[in-house]
Amino acid sequence: RHPDLTPDPSVLVVRVESGLFFANADHVRATVRGLCTPSTRAVVLD
């Protein structure tokens, strides 16, 4: 929604806009792993 902002490549900050439960947990795990790049050193889950 704010393409003018540049995220820190070393820190991936993500927000899951839903409760976390059995039906979406694996999707969240796979998506977060897919967003990581070789320069990522930390992931913050808001």
All heavy atoms as atom14 arrays in JSON, in Angstrom:
{
  "sequence": "RHPDLTPDPSVLVVRVESGLFFANADHVRATVRGLCTPSTRAVVLD",
  "atom14_mask": [
    [1, 1, 1, 1, 1, 1, 1, 1, 1, 1, 1, 0, 0, 0],
    [1, 1, 1, 1, 1, 1, 1, 1, 1, 1, 0, 0, 0, 0],
    [1, 1, 1, 1, 1, 1, 1, 0, 0, 0, 0, 0, 0, 0],
    [1, 1, 1, 1, 1, 1, 1, 1, 0, 0, 0, 0, 0, 0],
    [1, 1, 1, 1, 1, 1, 1, 1, 0, 0, 0, 0, 0, 0],
    [1, 1, 1, 1, 1, 1, 1, 0, 0, 0, 0, 0, 0, 0],
    [1, 1, 1, 1, 1, 1, 1, 0, 0, 0, 0, 0, 0, 0],
    [1, 1, 1, 1, 1, 1, 1, 1, 0, 0, 0, 0, 0, 0],
    [1, 1, 1, 1, 1, 1, 1, 0, 0, 0, 0, 0, 0, 0],
    [1, 1, 1, 1, 1, 1, 0, 0, 0, 0, 0, 0, 0, 0],
    [1, 1, 1, 1, 1, 1, 1, 0, 0, 0, 0, 0, 0, 0],
    [1, 1, 1, 1, 1, 1, 1, 1, 0, 0, 0, 0, 0, 0],
    [1, 1, 1, 1, 1, 1, 1, 0, 0, 0, 0, 0, 0, 0],
    [1, 1, 1, 1, 1, 1, 1, 0, 0, 0, 0, 0, 0, 0],
    [1, 1, 1, 1, 1, 1, 1, 1, 1, 1, 1, 0, 0, 0],
    [1, 1, 1, 1, 1, 1, 1, 0, 0, 0, 0, 0, 0, 0],
    [1, 1, 1, 1, 1, 1, 1, 1, 1, 0, 0, 0, 0, 0],
    [1, 1, 1, 1, 1, 1, 0, 0, 0, 0, 0, 0, 0, 0],
    [1, 1, 1, 1, 0, 0, 0, 0, 0, 0, 0, 0, 0, 0],
    [1, 1, 1, 1, 1, 1, 1, 1, 0, 0, 0, 0, 0, 0],
    [1, 1, 1, 1, 1, 1, 1, 1, 1, 1, 1, 0, 0, 0],
    [1, 1, 1, 1, 1, 1, 1, 1, 1, 1, 1, 0, 0, 0],
    [1, 1, 1, 1, 1, 0, 0, 0, 0, 0, 0, 0, 0, 0],
    [1, 1, 1, 1, 1, 1, 1, 1, 0, 0, 0, 0, 0, 0],
    [1, 1, 1, 1, 1, 0, 0, 0, 0, 0, 0, 0, 0, 0],
    [1, 1, 1, 1, 1, 1, 1, 1, 0, 0, 0, 0, 0, 0],
    [1, 1, 1, 1, 1, 1, 1, 1, 1, 1, 0, 0, 0, 0],
    [1, 1, 1, 1, 1, 1, 1, 0, 0, 0, 0, 0, 0, 0],
    [1, 1, 1, 1, 1, 1, 1, 1, 1, 1, 1, 0, 0, 0],
    [1, 1, 1, 1, 1, 0, 0, 0, 0, 0, 0, 0, 0, 0],
    [1, 1, 1, 1, 1, 1, 1, 0, 0, 0, 0, 0, 0, 0],
    [1, 1, 1, 1, 1, 1, 1, 0, 0, 0, 0, 0, 0, 0],
    [1, 1, 1, 1, 1, 1, 1, 1, 1, 1, 1, 0, 0, 0],
    [1, 1, 1, 1, 0, 0, 0, 0, 0, 0, 0, 0, 0, 0],
    [1, 1, 1, 1, 1, 1, 1, 1, 0, 0, 0, 0, 0, 0],
    [1, 1, 1, 1, 1, 1, 0, 0, 0, 0, 0, 0, 0, 0],
    [1, 1, 1, 1, 1, 1, 1, 0, 0, 0, 0, 0, 0, 0],
    [1, 1, 1, 1, 1, 1, 1, 0, 0, 0, 0, 0, 0, 0],
    [1, 1, 1, 1, 1, 1, 0, 0, 0, 0, 0, 0, 0, 0],
    [1, 1, 1, 1, 1, 1, 1, 0, 0, 0, 0, 0, 0, 0],
    [1, 1, 1, 1, 1, 1, 1, 1, 1, 1, 1, 0, 0, 0],
    [1, 1, 1, 1, 1, 0, 0, 0, 0, 0, 0, 0, 0, 0],
    [1, 1, 1, 1, 1, 1, 1, 0, 0, 0, 0, 0, 0, 0],
    [1, 1, 1, 1, 1, 1, 1, 0, 0, 0, 0, 0, 0, 0],
    [1, 1, 1, 1, 1, 1, 1, 1, 0, 0, 0, 0, 0, 0],
    [1, 1, 1, 1, 1, 1, 1, 1, 0, 0, 0, 0, 0, 0]
  ],
  "atom14_positions": [
    [[0.81, -1.21, 0.0], [0.0, 0.0, 0.0], [0.85, 1.27, 0.0], [0.35, 2.35, -0.3], [-0.92, 0.0, 1.22], [-1.91, -1.15, 1.24], [-2.77, -1.11, 2.49], [-3.74, -2.19, 2.52], [-4.93, -2.16, 1.94], [-5.31, -1.08, 1.27], [-5.75, -3.19, 2.0], [0.0, 0.0, 0.0], [0.0, 0.0, 0.0], [0.0, 0.0, 0.0]],
    [[2.1, 1.12, 0.38], [3.02, 2.27, 0.43], [4.31, 1.91, -0.31], [5.36, 1.67, 0.31], [3.32, 2.65, 1.88], [2.1, 3.03, 2.68], [1.6, 4.31, 2.72], [1.27, 2.28, 3.44], [0.52, 4.34, 3.47], [0.29, 3.11, 3.93], [0.0, 0.0, 0.0], [0.0, 0.0, 0.0], [0.0, 0.0, 0.0], [0.0, 0.0, 0.0]],
    [[4.25, 1.86, -1.64], [5.43, 1.45, -2.42], [6.61, 2.39, -2.31], [7.72, 2.04, -2.71], [4.88, 1.38, -3.85], [3.68, 2.28, -3.85], [3.09, 2.18, -2.48], [0.0, 0.0, 0.0], [0.0, 0.0, 0.0], [0.0, 0.0, 0.0], [0.0, 0.0, 0.0], [0.0, 0.0, 0.0], [0.0, 0.0, 0.0], [0.0, 0.0, 0.0]],
    [[6.37, 3.6, -1.78], [7.47, 4.55, -1.63], [8.39, 4.19, -0.47], [9.51, 4.7, -0.38], [6.91, 5.96, -1.39], [5.95, 6.01, -0.21], [5.04, 5.15, -0.16], [6.11, 6.87, 0.67], [0.0, 0.0, 0.0], [0.0, 0.0, 0.0], [0.0, 0.0, 0.0], [0.0, 0.0, 0.0], [0.0, 0.0, 0.0], [0.0, 0.0, 0.0]],
    [[7.95, 3.3, 0.41], [8.77, 2.89, 1.54], [9.69, 1.74, 1.15], [9.29, 0.82, 0.43], [7.88, 2.45, 2.71], [6.93, 3.52, 3.27], [6.09, 2.93, 4.4], [7.71, 4.73, 3.76], [0.0, 0.0, 0.0], [0.0, 0.0, 0.0], [0.0, 0.0, 0.0], [0.0, 0.0, 0.0], [0.0, 0.0, 0.0], [0.0, 0.0, 0.0]],
    [[10.92, 1.79, 1.64], [11.9, 0.75, 1.32], [12.2, -0.06, 2.57], [12.72, 0.47, 3.56], [13.21, 1.38, 0.81], [12.91, 2.18, -0.35], [14.21, 0.29, 0.44], [0.0, 0.0, 0.0], [0.0, 0.0, 0.0], [0.0, 0.0, 0.0], [0.0, 0.0, 0.0], [0.0, 0.0, 0.0], [0.0, 0.0, 0.0], [0.0, 0.0, 0.0]],
    [[11.87, -1.34, 2.57], [12.13, -2.16, 3.76], [13.62, -2.46, 3.92], [14.39, -2.46, 2.95], [11.33, -3.44, 3.47], [11.25, -3.51, 1.99], [11.18, -2.1, 1.5], [0.0, 0.0, 0.0], [0.0, 0.0, 0.0], [0.0, 0.0, 0.0], [0.0, 0.0, 0.0], [0.0, 0.0, 0.0], [0.0, 0.0, 0.0], [0.0, 0.0, 0.0]],
    [[14.03, -2.68, 5.14], [15.41, -3.07, 5.45], [15.64, -4.48, 4.91], [14.92, -5.41, 5.3], [15.62, -3.04, 6.97], [17.07, -3.3, 7.36], [17.82, -3.86, 6.53], [17.43, -2.96, 8.5], [0.0, 0.0, 0.0], [0.0, 0.0, 0.0], [0.0, 0.0, 0.0], [0.0, 0.0, 0.0], [0.0, 0.0, 0.0], [0.0, 0.0, 0.0]],
    [[16.6, -4.69, 4.02], [16.78, -6.03, 3.46], [17.25, -7.06, 4.47], [17.08, -8.27, 4.24], [17.84, -5.81, 2.37], [18.55, -4.56, 2.78], [17.54, -3.7, 3.46], [0.0, 0.0, 0.0], [0.0, 0.0, 0.0], [0.0, 0.0, 0.0], [0.0, 0.0, 0.0], [0.0, 0.0, 0.0], [0.0, 0.0, 0.0], [0.0, 0.0, 0.0]],
    [[17.83, -6.61, 5.59], [18.34, -7.58, 6.57], [17.29, -7.99, 7.6], [17.45, -9.01, 8.26], [19.56, -7.0, 7.29], [19.2, -5.86, 8.05], [0.0, 0.0, 0.0], [0.0, 0.0, 0.0], [0.0, 0.0, 0.0], [0.0, 0.0, 0.0], [0.0, 0.0, 0.0], [0.0, 0.0, 0.0], [0.0, 0.0, 0.0], [0.0, 0.0, 0.0]],
    [[16.25, -7.18, 7.73], [15.19, -7.49, 8.7], [13.85, -7.55, 7.97], [13.37, -6.54, 7.47], [15.12, -6.43, 9.82], [14.03, -6.8, 10.83], [16.46, -6.31, 10.53], [0.0, 0.0, 0.0], [0.0, 0.0, 0.0], [0.0, 0.0, 0.0], [0.0, 0.0, 0.0], [0.0, 0.0, 0.0], [0.0, 0.0, 0.0], [0.0, 0.0, 0.0]],
    [[13.29, -8.72, 7.91], [11.99, -8.9, 7.29], [10.91, -8.76, 8.37], [10.86, -9.55, 9.31], [11.9, -10.29, 6.65], [10.52, -10.7, 6.11], [10.1, -9.79, 4.94], [10.52, -12.17, 5.67], [0.0, 0.0, 0.0], [0.0, 0.0, 0.0], [0.0, 0.0, 0.0], [0.0, 0.0, 0.0], [0.0, 0.0, 0.0], [0.0, 0.0, 0.0]],
    [[10.07, -7.74, 8.24], [8.98, -7.51, 9.17], [7.68, -7.84, 8.46], [7.38, -7.25, 7.41], [8.97, -6.06, 9.69], [7.84, -5.88, 10.7], [10.31, -5.71, 10.32], [0.0, 0.0, 0.0], [0.0, 0.0, 0.0], [0.0, 0.0, 0.0], [0.0, 0.0, 0.0], [0.0, 0.0, 0.0], [0.0, 0.0, 0.0], [0.0, 0.0, 0.0]],
    [[6.92, -8.78, 9.0], [5.67, -9.2, 8.36], [4.53, -9.15, 9.37], [4.74, -9.27, 10.59], [5.78, -10.63, 7.78], [6.78, -10.66, 6.64], [6.15, -11.63, 8.85], [0.0, 0.0, 0.0], [0.0, 0.0, 0.0], [0.0, 0.0, 0.0], [0.0, 0.0, 0.0], [0.0, 0.0, 0.0], [0.0, 0.0, 0.0], [0.0, 0.0, 0.0]],
    [[3.34, -8.98, 8.85], [2.14, -8.97, 9.68], [1.11, -9.91, 9.07], [0.74, -9.77, 7.9], [1.56, -7.55, 9.75], [0.29, -7.47, 10.61], [-0.2, -6.03, 10.72], [-0.61, -5.5, 9.42], [-0.33, -4.27, 8.98], [0.37, -3.44, 9.75], [-0.74, -3.87, 7.79], [0.0, 0.0, 0.0], [0.0, 0.0, 0.0], [0.0, 0.0, 0.0]],
    [[0.66, -10.86, 9.87], [-0.39, -11.78, 9.43], [-1.74, -11.18, 9.83], [-2.04, -11.05, 11.03], [-0.21, -13.18, 10.06], [-1.31, -14.12, 9.56], [1.16, -13.74, 9.73], [0.0, 0.0, 0.0], [0.0, 0.0, 0.0], [0.0, 0.0, 0.0], [0.0, 0.0, 0.0], [0.0, 0.0, 0.0], [0.0, 0.0, 0.0], [0.0, 0.0, 0.0]],
    [[-2.53, -10.82, 8.86], [-3.8, -10.14, 9.14], [-4.91, -11.15, 9.37], [-5.92, -11.21, 8.65], [-4.11, -9.17, 8.01], [-3.04, -8.08, 7.89], [-3.32, -7.08, 6.79], [-4.21, -7.34, 5.95], [-2.64, -6.04, 6.75], [0.0, 0.0, 0.0], [0.0, 0.0, 0.0], [0.0, 0.0, 0.0], [0.0, 0.0, 0.0], [0.0, 0.0, 0.0]],
    [[-4.72, -11.96, 10.4], [-5.69, -12.99, 10.74], [-5.23, -13.66, 12.02], [-4.05, -13.54, 12.41], [-5.78, -14.03, 9.61], [-6.46, -15.19, 10.04], [0.0, 0.0, 0.0], [0.0, 0.0, 0.0], [0.0, 0.0, 0.0], [0.0, 0.0, 0.0], [0.0, 0.0, 0.0], [0.0, 0.0, 0.0], [0.0, 0.0, 0.0], [0.0, 0.0, 0.0]],
    [[-6.13, -14.37, 12.67], [-5.72, -15.26, 13.74], [-4.87, -16.38, 13.17], [-4.92, -16.69, 11.97], [0.0, 0.0, 0.0], [0.0, 0.0, 0.0], [0.0, 0.0, 0.0], [0.0, 0.0, 0.0], [0.0, 0.0, 0.0], [0.0, 0.0, 0.0], [0.0, 0.0, 0.0], [0.0, 0.0, 0.0], [0.0, 0.0, 0.0], [0.0, 0.0, 0.0]],
    [[-4.08, -17.01, 14.01], [-3.21, -18.11, 13.58], [-3.77, -19.41, 14.13], [-3.89, -19.58, 15.34], [-1.79, -17.88, 14.1], [-1.05, -16.67, 13.51], [0.23, -16.39, 14.26], [-0.75, -16.9, 12.03], [0.0, 0.0, 0.0], [0.0, 0.0, 0.0], [0.0, 0.0, 0.0], [0.0, 0.0, 0.0], [0.0, 0.0, 0.0], [0.0, 0.0, 0.0]],
    [[-4.12, -20.31, 13.22], [-4.67, -21.58, 13.67], [-4.33, -22.65, 12.64], [-3.64, -22.4, 11.64], [-6.19, -21.46, 13.89], [-6.99, -21.13, 12.66], [-7.83, -22.07, 12.09], [-6.92, -19.87, 12.07], [-8.58, -21.76, 10.97], [-7.67, -19.55, 10.96], [-8.5, -20.51, 10.4], [0.0, 0.0, 0.0], [0.0, 0.0, 0.0], [0.0, 0.0, 0.0]],
    [[-4.79, -23.86, 12.89], [-4.35, -25.02, 12.13], [-4.56, -24.87, 10.63], [-3.78, -25.4, 9.83], [-5.08, -26.27, 12.64], [-6.56, -26.27, 12.4], [-7.11, -26.82, 11.26], [-7.42, -25.69, 13.33], [-8.48, -26.8, 11.03], [-8.8, -25.68, 13.11], [-9.32, -26.23, 11.96], [0.0, 0.0, 0.0], [0.0, 0.0, 0.0], [0.0, 0.0, 0.0]],
    [[-5.61, -24.16, 10.21], [-5.93, -24.1, 8.78], [-4.99, -23.2, 8.0], [-4.82, -23.39, 6.79], [-7.37, -23.62, 8.6], [0.0, 0.0, 0.0], [0.0, 0.0, 0.0], [0.0, 0.0, 0.0], [0.0, 0.0, 0.0], [0.0, 0.0, 0.0], [0.0, 0.0, 0.0], [0.0, 0.0, 0.0], [0.0, 0.0, 0.0], [0.0, 0.0, 0.0]],
    [[-4.39, -22.2, 8.66], [-3.53, -21.28, 7.91], [-2.08, -21.3, 8.36], [-1.24, -20.59, 7.79], [-4.07, -19.85, 7.99], [-4.09, -19.29, 9.39], [-3.34, -19.72, 10.27], [-4.94, -18.31, 9.62], [0.0, 0.0, 0.0], [0.0, 0.0, 0.0], [0.0, 0.0, 0.0], [0.0, 0.0, 0.0], [0.0, 0.0, 0.0], [0.0, 0.0, 0.0]],
    [[-1.75, -22.1, 9.37], [-0.4, -22.08, 9.93], [0.66, -22.46, 8.89], [1.7, -21.79, 8.76], [-0.32, -23.01, 11.14], [0.0, 0.0, 0.0], [0.0, 0.0, 0.0], [0.0, 0.0, 0.0], [0.0, 0.0, 0.0], [0.0, 0.0, 0.0], [0.0, 0.0, 0.0], [0.0, 0.0, 0.0], [0.0, 0.0, 0.0], [0.0, 0.0, 0.0]],
    [[0.43, -23.53, 8.14], [1.42, -23.95, 7.15], [1.56, -22.92, 6.03], [2.66, -22.71, 5.51], [1.01, -25.31, 6.55], [1.24, -26.45, 7.52], [2.16, -26.34, 8.36], [0.51, -27.46, 7.45], [0.0, 0.0, 0.0], [0.0, 0.0, 0.0], [0.0, 0.0, 0.0], [0.0, 0.0, 0.0], [0.0, 0.0, 0.0], [0.0, 0.0, 0.0]],
    [[0.45, -22.27, 5.66], [0.53, -21.22, 4.64], [1.39, -20.06, 5.15], [2.21, -19.51, 4.39], [-0.88, -20.74, 4.31], [-0.9, -19.52, 3.44], [-0.57, -19.55, 2.1], [-1.21, -18.21, 3.72], [-0.69, -18.34, 1.59], [-1.07, -17.51, 2.55], [0.0, 0.0, 0.0], [0.0, 0.0, 0.0], [0.0, 0.0, 0.0], [0.0, 0.0, 0.0]],
    [[1.21, -19.67, 6.4], [2.01, -18.58, 6.97], [3.48, -18.98, 6.98], [4.36, -18.19, 6.59], [1.52, -18.26, 8.39], [2.47, -17.28, 9.08], [0.12, -17.68, 8.35], [0.0, 0.0, 0.0], [0.0, 0.0, 0.0], [0.0, 0.0, 0.0], [0.0, 0.0, 0.0], [0.0, 0.0, 0.0], [0.0, 0.0, 0.0], [0.0, 0.0, 0.0]],
    [[3.76, -20.2, 7.42], [5.16, -20.67, 7.46], [5.8, -20.63, 6.08], [6.91, -20.11, 5.9], [5.18, -22.08, 8.03], [6.56, -22.74, 8.04], [6.44, -24.21, 8.4], [7.7, -24.89, 8.39], [7.85, -26.21, 8.42], [6.76, -26.99, 8.51], [9.04, -26.76, 8.39], [0.0, 0.0, 0.0], [0.0, 0.0, 0.0], [0.0, 0.0, 0.0]],
    [[5.09, -21.16, 5.07], [5.65, -21.21, 3.72], [5.83, -19.81, 3.15], [6.84, -19.52, 2.48], [4.74, -22.04, 2.81], [0.0, 0.0, 0.0], [0.0, 0.0, 0.0], [0.0, 0.0, 0.0], [0.0, 0.0, 0.0], [0.0, 0.0, 0.0], [0.0, 0.0, 0.0], [0.0, 0.0, 0.0], [0.0, 0.0, 0.0], [0.0, 0.0, 0.0]],
    [[4.87, -18.91, 3.4], [4.96, -17.56, 2.86], [6.12, -16.79, 3.48], [6.87, -16.11, 2.77], [3.64, -16.81, 3.1], [2.57, -17.53, 2.49], [3.7, -15.41, 2.52], [0.0, 0.0, 0.0], [0.0, 0.0, 0.0], [0.0, 0.0, 0.0], [0.0, 0.0, 0.0], [0.0, 0.0, 0.0], [0.0, 0.0, 0.0], [0.0, 0.0, 0.0]],
    [[6.29, -16.89, 4.79], [7.39, -16.18, 5.46], [8.73, -16.7, 4.95], [9.66, -15.92, 4.67], [7.28, -16.33, 6.98], [8.52, -15.77, 7.67], [6.03, -15.61, 7.49], [0.0, 0.0, 0.0], [0.0, 0.0, 0.0], [0.0, 0.0, 0.0], [0.0, 0.0, 0.0], [0.0, 0.0, 0.0], [0.0, 0.0, 0.0], [0.0, 0.0, 0.0]],
    [[8.86, -18.01, 4.82], [10.11, -18.57, 4.3], [10.37, -18.08, 2.88], [11.51, -17.78, 2.5], [10.05, -20.1, 4.32], [10.1, -20.69, 5.72], [9.89, -22.19, 5.7], [10.86, -22.88, 4.86], [10.89, -24.18, 4.64], [9.95, -24.95, 5.21], [11.8, -24.73, 3.89], [0.0, 0.0, 0.0], [0.0, 0.0, 0.0], [0.0, 0.0, 0.0]],
    [[9.29, -17.98, 2.08], [9.46, -17.52, 0.71], [9.85, -16.06, 0.6], [10.46, -15.65, -0.38], [0.0, 0.0, 0.0], [0.0, 0.0, 0.0], [0.0, 0.0, 0.0], [0.0, 0.0, 0.0], [0.0, 0.0, 0.0], [0.0, 0.0, 0.0], [0.0, 0.0, 0.0], [0.0, 0.0, 0.0], [0.0, 0.0, 0.0], [0.0, 0.0, 0.0]],
    [[9.49, -15.25, 1.59], [9.83, -13.82, 1.57], [11.27, -13.56, 1.98], [11.8, -12.46, 1.75], [8.89, -13.04, 2.49], [7.44, -12.9, 2.02], [6.59, -12.24, 3.09], [7.37, -12.08, 0.72], [0.0, 0.0, 0.0], [0.0, 0.0, 0.0], [0.0, 0.0, 0.0], [0.0, 0.0, 0.0], [0.0, 0.0, 0.0], [0.0, 0.0, 0.0]],
    [[11.9, -14.53, 2.61], [13.29, -14.36, 3.03], [14.22, -14.37, 1.82], [14.01, -15.12, 0.87], [13.69, -15.46, 4.01], [12.87, -15.37, 5.61], [0.0, 0.0, 0.0], [0.0, 0.0, 0.0], [0.0, 0.0, 0.0], [0.0, 0.0, 0.0], [0.0, 0.0, 0.0], [0.0, 0.0, 0.0], [0.0, 0.0, 0.0], [0.0, 0.0, 0.0]],
    [[15.24, -13.53, 1.87], [16.26, -13.46, 0.82], [17.62, -13.81, 1.43], [17.74, -13.91, 2.66], [16.31, -12.05, 0.23], [16.76, -11.13, 1.24], [14.93, -11.61, -0.28], [0.0, 0.0, 0.0], [0.0, 0.0, 0.0], [0.0, 0.0, 0.0], [0.0, 0.0, 0.0], [0.0, 0.0, 0.0], [0.0, 0.0, 0.0], [0.0, 0.0, 0.0]],
    [[18.65, -13.99, 0.61], [19.98, -14.3, 1.17], [20.5, -13.24, 2.13], [21.33, -13.55, 3.02], [20.86, -14.39, -0.08], [19.92, -14.81, -1.16], [18.63, -14.13, -0.86], [0.0, 0.0, 0.0], [0.0, 0.0, 0.0], [0.0, 0.0, 0.0], [0.0, 0.0, 0.0], [0.0, 0.0, 0.0], [0.0, 0.0, 0.0], [0.0, 0.0, 0.0]],
    [[19.99, -12.01, 2.02], [20.47, -10.94, 2.91], [19.66, -10.85, 4.2], [20.01, -10.07, 5.1], [20.43, -9.6, 2.19], [19.1, -9.3, 1.79], [0.0, 0.0, 0.0], [0.0, 0.0, 0.0], [0.0, 0.0, 0.0], [0.0, 0.0, 0.0], [0.0, 0.0, 0.0], [0.0, 0.0, 0.0], [0.0, 0.0, 0.0], [0.0, 0.0, 0.0]],
    [[18.61, -11.65, 4.32], [17.77, -11.59, 5.52], [18.5, -12.23, 6.69], [19.0, -13.35, 6.6], [16.45, -12.34, 5.29], [15.75, -11.74, 4.17], [15.56, -12.25, 6.53], [0.0, 0.0, 0.0], [0.0, 0.0, 0.0], [0.0, 0.0, 0.0], [0.0, 0.0, 0.0], [0.0, 0.0, 0.0], [0.0, 0.0, 0.0], [0.0, 0.0, 0.0]],
    [[18.57, -11.49, 7.8], [19.21, -12.0, 9.01], [18.23, -12.13, 10.17], [18.57, -12.74, 11.19], [20.38, -11.07, 9.42], [21.54, -11.13, 8.46], [22.18, -12.51, 8.47], [23.25, -12.65, 7.5], [23.11, -13.19, 6.29], [21.91, -13.62, 5.91], [24.13, -13.29, 5.48], [0.0, 0.0, 0.0], [0.0, 0.0, 0.0], [0.0, 0.0, 0.0]],
    [[17.05, -11.56, 10.04], [16.06, -11.68, 11.11], [14.67, -11.5, 10.52], [14.48, -10.8, 9.52], [16.3, -10.65, 12.2], [0.0, 0.0, 0.0], [0.0, 0.0, 0.0], [0.0, 0.0, 0.0], [0.0, 0.0, 0.0], [0.0, 0.0, 0.0], [0.0, 0.0, 0.0], [0.0, 0.0, 0.0], [0.0, 0.0, 0.0], [0.0, 0.0, 0.0]],
    [[13.7, -12.16, 11.16], [12.3, -12.03, 10.78], [11.53, -11.61, 12.03], [11.64, -12.25, 13.08], [11.73, -13.35, 10.23], [10.22, -13.21, 10.0], [12.43, -13.74, 8.94], [0.0, 0.0, 0.0], [0.0, 0.0, 0.0], [0.0, 0.0, 0.0], [0.0, 0.0, 0.0], [0.0, 0.0, 0.0], [0.0, 0.0, 0.0], [0.0, 0.0, 0.0]],
    [[10.77, -10.54, 11.9], [9.91, -10.08, 12.99], [8.46, -10.3, 12.56], [8.02, -9.76, 11.53], [10.14, -8.6, 13.32], [9.18, -8.14, 14.4], [11.59, -8.38, 13.76], [0.0, 0.0, 0.0], [0.0, 0.0, 0.0], [0.0, 0.0, 0.0], [0.0, 0.0, 0.0], [0.0, 0.0, 0.0], [0.0, 0.0, 0.0], [0.0, 0.0, 0.0]],
    [[7.75, -11.09, 13.33], [6.34, -11.35, 13.06], [5.5, -10.45, 13.95], [5.45, -10.62, 15.17], [6.01, -12.82, 13.33], [4.55, -13.23, 13.12], [4.13, -13.05, 11.68], [4.33, -14.68, 13.55], [0.0, 0.0, 0.0], [0.0, 0.0, 0.0], [0.0, 0.0, 0.0], [0.0, 0.0, 0.0], [0.0, 0.0, 0.0], [0.0, 0.0, 0.0]],
    [[4.87, -9.44, 13.33], [4.01, -8.52, 14.08], [2.68, -9.23, 14.35], [1.88, -9.46, 13.44], [3.78, -7.25, 13.26], [2.95, -6.22, 14.01], [2.57, -6.48, 15.16], [2.67, -5.15, 13.42], [0.0, 0.0, 0.0], [0.0, 0.0, 0.0], [0.0, 0.0, 0.0], [0.0, 0.0, 0.0], [0.0, 0.0, 0.0], [0.0, 0.0, 0.0]]
  ]
}
